[in-house]
Amino acid sequence: MRWTLWVPLMLFAFFVGVAGYQLFQPKDEFIPSTMIGRALPEFELPAASETRPGVTTADFKDGKPKLLNIWASWCLPCIAEAPHLESLKEEGVEIIGVAIRDKREDVDEFLATHGNPYSRIGADEISAVQLEIGSSGVPETFVIDGEGNIIHQHIGDVRARDVQRLLEILEDAS
């Protein structure tokens, strides 16, 4: 009868061991878009800013590769990436923005405060385009070739160390 007292303790120890093991396993939080290698879906977004026009799929089909940056004025990492997007713009990269669930006055205030690297900015008020292209959050940047195909996805804010890599990918897309 004494062994029956040990069964609950052994089960408890087993579950604690499994939970402890799982805590120390590396997590793969990178969720790549299933749209990489595919054409952008058809969309037309109204302007999210007073200073820039809206965005359509046709804007990506002029033969020149571009960056598509998914961002929001309420996004703190978007503030951190702003100077690096400006660096890309200074290198001649065209960046088209899609503002997620944002108000026009907030977008304009963000751009006035942190700079405006965008040639166009579309308002994605219900995240429909964001979800269609496989974006899982903000900020997120996609390299789009001159025919409107998604060729690369950068999850998270663009940092100084990412600028050169994005320039290389854009060059290869030319």
C-alpha atoms as a PDB file:
ATOM      1  CA  MET A   1       0.000   0.000   0.000  1.00  0.00           C
ATOM      2  CA  ARG A   2       2.943   2.361   0.508  1.00  0.00           C
ATOM      3  CA  TRP A   3       3.723   2.461  -3.236  1.00  0.00           C
ATOM      4  CA  THR A   4       0.327   4.078  -3.911  1.00  0.00           C
ATOM      5  CA  LEU A   5       1.453   7.072  -1.888  1.00  0.00           C
ATOM      6  CA  TRP A   6       4.421   7.570  -4.224  1.00  0.00           C
ATOM      7  CA  VAL A   7       2.410   7.567  -7.503  1.00  0.00           C
ATOM      8  CA  PRO A   8       1.022  11.128  -7.135  1.00  0.00           C
ATOM      9  CA  LEU A   9       4.460  12.418  -6.131  1.00  0.00           C
ATOM     10  CA  MET A  10       6.087  10.695  -9.133  1.00  0.00           C
ATOM     11  CA  LEU A  11       3.462  12.136 -11.514  1.00  0.00           C
ATOM     12  CA  PHE A  12       3.963  15.597 -10.065  1.00  0.00           C
ATOM     13  CA  ALA A  13       7.763  15.303 -10.429  1.00  0.00           C
ATOM     14  CA  PHE A  14       7.337  14.110 -14.032  1.00  0.00           C
ATOM     15  CA  PHE A  15       5.156  17.117 -14.973  1.00  0.00           C
ATOM     16  CA  VAL A  16       7.516  19.560 -13.226  1.00  0.00           C
ATOM     17  CA  GLY A  17      10.413  18.020 -15.150  1.00  0.00           C
ATOM     18  CA  VAL A  18       8.621  18.342 -18.503  1.00  0.00           C
ATOM     19  CA  ALA A  19       7.633  21.947 -17.752  1.00  0.00           C
ATOM     20  CA  GLY A  20      11.193  22.809 -16.679  1.00  0.00           C
ATOM     21  CA  TYR A  21      12.603  21.243 -19.841  1.00  0.00           C
ATOM     22  CA  GLN A  22      10.220  23.270 -22.034  1.00  0.00           C
ATOM     23  CA  LEU A  23      11.188  26.519 -20.315  1.00  0.00           C
ATOM     24  CA  PHE A  24      14.789  26.170 -21.450  1.00  0.00           C
ATOM     25  CA  GLN A  25      14.109  25.198 -25.062  1.00  0.00           C
ATOM     26  CA  PRO A  26      14.741  27.894 -27.680  1.00  0.00           C
ATOM     27  CA  LYS A  27      11.567  29.291 -29.164  1.00  0.00           C
ATOM     28  CA  ASP A  28      11.199  29.903 -32.866  1.00  0.00           C
ATOM     29  CA  GLU A  29       9.133  33.075 -32.991  1.00  0.00           C
ATOM     30  CA  PHE A  30       9.891  33.742 -36.657  1.00  0.00           C
ATOM     31  CA  ILE A  31       6.736  33.159 -38.653  1.00  0.00           C
ATOM     32  CA  PRO A  32       7.605  33.564 -42.336  1.00  0.00           C
ATOM     33  CA  SER A  33       4.953  34.772 -44.721  1.00  0.00           C
ATOM     34  CA  THR A  34       3.561  32.116 -47.018  1.00  0.00           C
ATOM     35  CA  MET A  35       3.404  34.866 -49.627  1.00  0.00           C
ATOM     36  CA  ILE A  36       7.175  34.963 -50.240  1.00  0.00           C
ATOM     37  CA  GLY A  37       7.714  34.151 -53.897  1.00  0.00           C
ATOM     38  CA  ARG A  38       4.153  35.127 -54.793  1.00  0.00           C
ATOM     39  CA  ALA A  39       2.591  38.245 -56.243  1.00  0.00           C
ATOM     40  CA  LEU A  40       1.158  40.904 -53.973  1.00  0.00           C
ATOM     41  CA  PRO A  41      -2.605  40.524 -53.684  1.00  0.00           C
ATOM     42  CA  GLU A  42      -4.668  43.154 -55.436  1.00  0.00           C
ATOM     43  CA  PHE A  43      -5.476  46.067 -53.146  1.00  0.00           C
ATOM     44  CA  GLU A  44      -6.189  49.784 -53.118  1.00  0.00           C
ATOM     45  CA  LEU A  45      -5.675  51.784 -49.931  1.00  0.00           C
ATOM     46  CA  PRO A  46      -6.645  55.415 -49.373  1.00  0.00           C
ATOM     47  CA  ALA A  47      -4.027  57.922 -48.241  1.00  0.00           C
ATOM     48  CA  ALA A  48      -3.079  57.682 -44.566  1.00  0.00           C
ATOM     49  CA  SER A  49      -1.380  61.085 -44.587  1.00  0.00           C
ATOM     50  CA  GLU A  50      -2.088  64.583 -45.822  1.00  0.00           C
ATOM     51  CA  THR A  51       1.339  64.667 -47.478  1.00  0.00           C
ATOM     52  CA  ARG A  52       1.431  61.350 -49.372  1.00  0.00           C
ATOM     53  CA  PRO A  53      -0.913  59.549 -51.776  1.00  0.00           C
ATOM     54  CA  GLY A  54      -2.493  56.172 -51.038  1.00  0.00           C
ATOM     55  CA  VAL A  55      -1.206  52.819 -52.248  1.00  0.00           C
ATOM     56  CA  THR A  56      -2.337  50.273 -54.821  1.00  0.00           C
ATOM     57  CA  THR A  57      -0.831  47.035 -56.060  1.00  0.00           C
ATOM     58  CA  ALA A  58      -0.042  48.794 -59.351  1.00  0.00           C
ATOM     59  CA  ASP A  59       2.460  51.045 -57.494  1.00  0.00           C
ATOM     60  CA  PHE A  60       4.745  48.010 -57.176  1.00  0.00           C
ATOM     61  CA  LYS A  61       4.672  47.010 -60.849  1.00  0.00           C
ATOM     62  CA  ASP A  62       6.798  49.687 -62.490  1.00  0.00           C
ATOM     63  CA  GLY A  63       9.932  47.578 -62.938  1.00  0.00           C
ATOM     64  CA  LYS A  64      11.796  48.917 -59.877  1.00  0.00           C
ATOM     65  CA  PRO A  65      12.130  46.974 -56.616  1.00  0.00           C
ATOM     66  CA  LYS A  66      10.778  48.701 -53.506  1.00  0.00           C
ATOM     67  CA  LEU A  67      10.327  48.216 -49.811  1.00  0.00           C
ATOM     68  CA  LEU A  68       6.837  47.798 -48.390  1.00  0.00           C
ATOM     69  CA  ASN A  69       6.922  48.835 -44.742  1.00  0.00           C
ATOM     70  CA  ILE A  70       4.025  47.865 -42.469  1.00  0.00           C
ATOM     71  CA  TRP A  71       3.960  50.260 -39.516  1.00  0.00           C
ATOM     72  CA  ALA A  72       1.817  52.334 -37.157  1.00  0.00           C
ATOM     73  CA  SER A  73       2.153  55.637 -35.321  1.00  0.00           C
ATOM     74  CA  TRP A  74       1.380  53.875 -32.014  1.00  0.00           C
ATOM     75  CA  CYS A  75       4.199  51.341 -32.530  1.00  0.00           C
ATOM     76  CA  LEU A  76       7.309  52.001 -30.406  1.00  0.00           C
ATOM     77  CA  PRO A  77       9.671  49.849 -32.532  1.00  0.00           C
ATOM     78  CA  CYS A  78       8.497  51.894 -35.539  1.00  0.00           C
ATOM     79  CA  ILE A  79      10.062  54.940 -33.878  1.00  0.00           C
ATOM     80  CA  ALA A  80      13.335  53.027 -33.459  1.00  0.00           C
ATOM     81  CA  GLU A  81      13.429  52.026 -37.137  1.00  0.00           C
ATOM     82  CA  ALA A  82      12.603  55.495 -38.510  1.00  0.00           C
ATOM     83  CA  PRO A  83      16.225  56.714 -38.852  1.00  0.00           C
ATOM     84  CA  HIS A  84      17.235  53.474 -40.582  1.00  0.00           C
ATOM     85  CA  LEU A  85      14.401  53.775 -43.088  1.00  0.00           C
ATOM     86  CA  GLU A  86      15.627  57.324 -43.680  1.00  0.00           C
ATOM     87  CA  SER A  87      19.118  55.888 -44.383  1.00  0.00           C
ATOM     88  CA  LEU A  88      17.609  53.532 -46.949  1.00  0.00           C
ATOM     89  CA  LYS A  89      15.763  56.435 -48.565  1.00  0.00           C
ATOM     90  CA  GLU A  90      19.043  58.395 -48.767  1.00  0.00           C
ATOM     91  CA  GLU A  91      20.545  55.399 -50.603  1.00  0.00           C
ATOM     92  CA  GLY A  92      17.847  55.808 -53.254  1.00  0.00           C
ATOM     93  CA  VAL A  93      15.434  53.142 -52.027  1.00  0.00           C
ATOM     94  CA  GLU A  94      11.760  53.810 -52.583  1.00  0.00           C
ATOM     95  CA  ILE A  95       9.769  52.900 -49.487  1.00  0.00           C
ATOM     96  CA  ILE A  96       6.008  52.570 -49.581  1.00  0.00           C
ATOM     97  CA  GLY A  97       4.263  52.499 -46.226  1.00  0.00           C
ATOM     98  CA  VAL A  98       1.069  50.910 -45.006  1.00  0.00           C
ATOM     99  CA  ALA A  99      -0.206  52.394 -41.746  1.00  0.00           C
ATOM    100  CA  ILE A 100      -2.120  49.845 -39.678  1.00  0.00           C
ATOM    101  CA  ARG A 101      -5.214  50.842 -37.662  1.00  0.00           C
ATOM    102  CA  ASP A 102      -4.189  54.477 -37.494  1.00  0.00           C
ATOM    103  CA  LYS A 103      -5.695  57.951 -37.614  1.00  0.00           C
ATOM    104  CA  ARG A 104      -4.552  60.438 -40.246  1.00  0.00           C
ATOM    105  CA  GLU A 105      -3.625  63.089 -37.657  1.00  0.00           C
ATOM    106  CA  ASP A 106      -1.541  60.545 -35.711  1.00  0.00           C
ATOM    107  CA  VAL A 107       0.259  59.441 -38.885  1.00  0.00           C
ATOM    108  CA  ASP A 108       1.039  63.057 -39.798  1.00  0.00           C
ATOM    109  CA  GLU A 109       2.287  63.803 -36.274  1.00  0.00           C
ATOM    110  CA  PHE A 110       4.517  60.699 -36.346  1.00  0.00           C
ATOM    111  CA  LEU A 111       5.998  61.719 -39.705  1.00  0.00           C
ATOM    112  CA  ALA A 112       6.586  65.301 -38.552  1.00  0.00           C
ATOM    113  CA  THR A 113       8.349  64.070 -35.421  1.00  0.00           C
ATOM    114  CA  HIS A 114      10.330  61.081 -36.713  1.00  0.00           C
ATOM    115  CA  GLY A 115      10.783  61.776 -40.428  1.00  0.00           C
ATOM    116  CA  ASN A 116       9.035  60.632 -43.568  1.00  0.00           C
ATOM    117  CA  PRO A 117      10.920  58.140 -45.738  1.00  0.00           C
ATOM    118  CA  TYR A 118       7.776  57.123 -47.641  1.00  0.00           C
ATOM    119  CA  SER A 119       6.814  57.980 -51.215  1.00  0.00           C
ATOM    120  CA  ARG A 120       3.250  56.759 -50.553  1.00  0.00           C
ATOM    121  CA  ILE A 121       1.334  55.720 -47.433  1.00  0.00           C
ATOM    122  CA  GLY A 122      -1.855  53.694 -47.485  1.00  0.00           C
ATOM    123  CA  ALA A 123      -4.318  53.391 -44.607  1.00  0.00           C
ATOM    124  CA  ASP A 124      -5.088  49.769 -43.723  1.00  0.00           C
ATOM    125  CA  GLU A 125      -7.784  50.426 -41.153  1.00  0.00           C
ATOM    126  CA  ILE A 126      -8.784  46.820 -40.528  1.00  0.00           C
ATOM    127  CA  SER A 127      -5.402  45.171 -41.279  1.00  0.00           C
ATOM    128  CA  ALA A 128      -6.847  43.451 -44.355  1.00  0.00           C
ATOM    129  CA  VAL A 129      -3.793  44.008 -46.573  1.00  0.00           C
ATOM    130  CA  GLN A 130      -1.456  43.268 -43.682  1.00  0.00           C
ATOM    131  CA  LEU A 131      -3.064  39.856 -43.202  1.00  0.00           C
ATOM    132  CA  GLU A 132      -3.267  39.125 -46.930  1.00  0.00           C
ATOM    133  CA  ILE A 133       0.482  39.515 -47.385  1.00  0.00           C
ATOM    134  CA  GLY A 134       1.266  37.367 -44.369  1.00  0.00           C
ATOM    135  CA  SER A 135       2.443  40.079 -42.007  1.00  0.00           C
ATOM    136  CA  SER A 136       2.195  39.108 -38.372  1.00  0.00           C
ATOM    137  CA  GLY A 137       2.790  42.473 -36.717  1.00  0.00           C
ATOM    138  CA  VAL A 138       4.325  45.920 -36.874  1.00  0.00           C
ATOM    139  CA  PRO A 139       6.828  46.908 -37.959  1.00  0.00           C
ATOM    140  CA  GLU A 140       7.506  44.535 -40.773  1.00  0.00           C
ATOM    141  CA  THR A 141       9.209  45.196 -44.097  1.00  0.00           C
ATOM    142  CA  PHE A 142       8.917  43.329 -47.387  1.00  0.00           C
ATOM    143  CA  VAL A 143      11.135  43.577 -50.454  1.00  0.00           C
ATOM    144  CA  ILE A 144       8.941  43.675 -53.551  1.00  0.00           C
ATOM    145  CA  ASP A 145      10.479  43.165 -56.985  1.00  0.00           C
ATOM    146  CA  GLY A 146       9.595  45.388 -59.953  1.00  0.00           C
ATOM    147  CA  GLU A 147       6.800  43.070 -61.036  1.00  0.00           C
ATOM    148  CA  GLY A 148       5.004  43.142 -57.696  1.00  0.00           C
ATOM    149  CA  ASN A 149       6.291  39.855 -56.227  1.00  0.00           C
ATOM    150  CA  ILE A 150       7.226  39.476 -52.559  1.00  0.00           C
ATOM    151  CA  ILE A 151      10.826  38.267 -52.427  1.00  0.00           C
ATOM    152  CA  HIS A 152      11.897  38.916 -48.836  1.00  0.00           C
ATOM    153  CA  GLN A 153      10.337  39.520 -45.431  1.00  0.00           C
ATOM    154  CA  HIS A 154      12.021  41.339 -42.552  1.00  0.00           C
ATOM    155  CA  ILE A 155      10.150  40.825 -39.286  1.00  0.00           C
ATOM    156  CA  GLY A 156      10.577  43.509 -36.653  1.00  0.00           C
ATOM    157  CA  ASP A 157      12.151  46.936 -36.827  1.00  0.00           C
ATOM    158  CA  VAL A 158      14.865  47.650 -39.359  1.00  0.00           C
ATOM    159  CA  ARG A 159      18.093  48.359 -37.502  1.00  0.00           C
ATOM    160  CA  ALA A 160      21.443  49.731 -38.636  1.00  0.00           C
ATOM    161  CA  ARG A 161      22.784  46.187 -39.093  1.00  0.00           C
ATOM    162  CA  ASP A 162      19.876  45.380 -41.479  1.00  0.00           C
ATOM    163  CA  VAL A 163      20.331  48.296 -43.877  1.00  0.00           C
ATOM    164  CA  GLN A 164      23.174  46.769 -45.914  1.00  0.00           C
ATOM    165  CA  ARG A 165      21.401  43.411 -46.203  1.00  0.00           C
ATOM    166  CA  LEU A 166      18.215  45.058 -47.460  1.00  0.00           C
ATOM    167  CA  LEU A 167      20.245  47.068 -49.989  1.00  0.00           C
ATOM    168  CA  GLU A 168      21.828  43.830 -51.251  1.00  0.00           C
ATOM    169  CA  ILE A 169      18.455  42.110 -51.578  1.00  0.00           C
ATOM    170  CA  LEU A 170      17.055  45.110 -53.456  1.00  0.00           C
ATOM    171  CA  GLU A 171      20.092  45.095 -55.764  1.00  0.00           C
ATOM    172  CA  ASP A 172      19.596  41.391 -56.501  1.00  0.00           C
ATOM    173  CA  ALA A 173      15.924  42.084 -57.247  1.00  0.00           C
ATOM    174  CA  SER A 174      16.832  44.628 -59.953  1.00  0.00           C
END
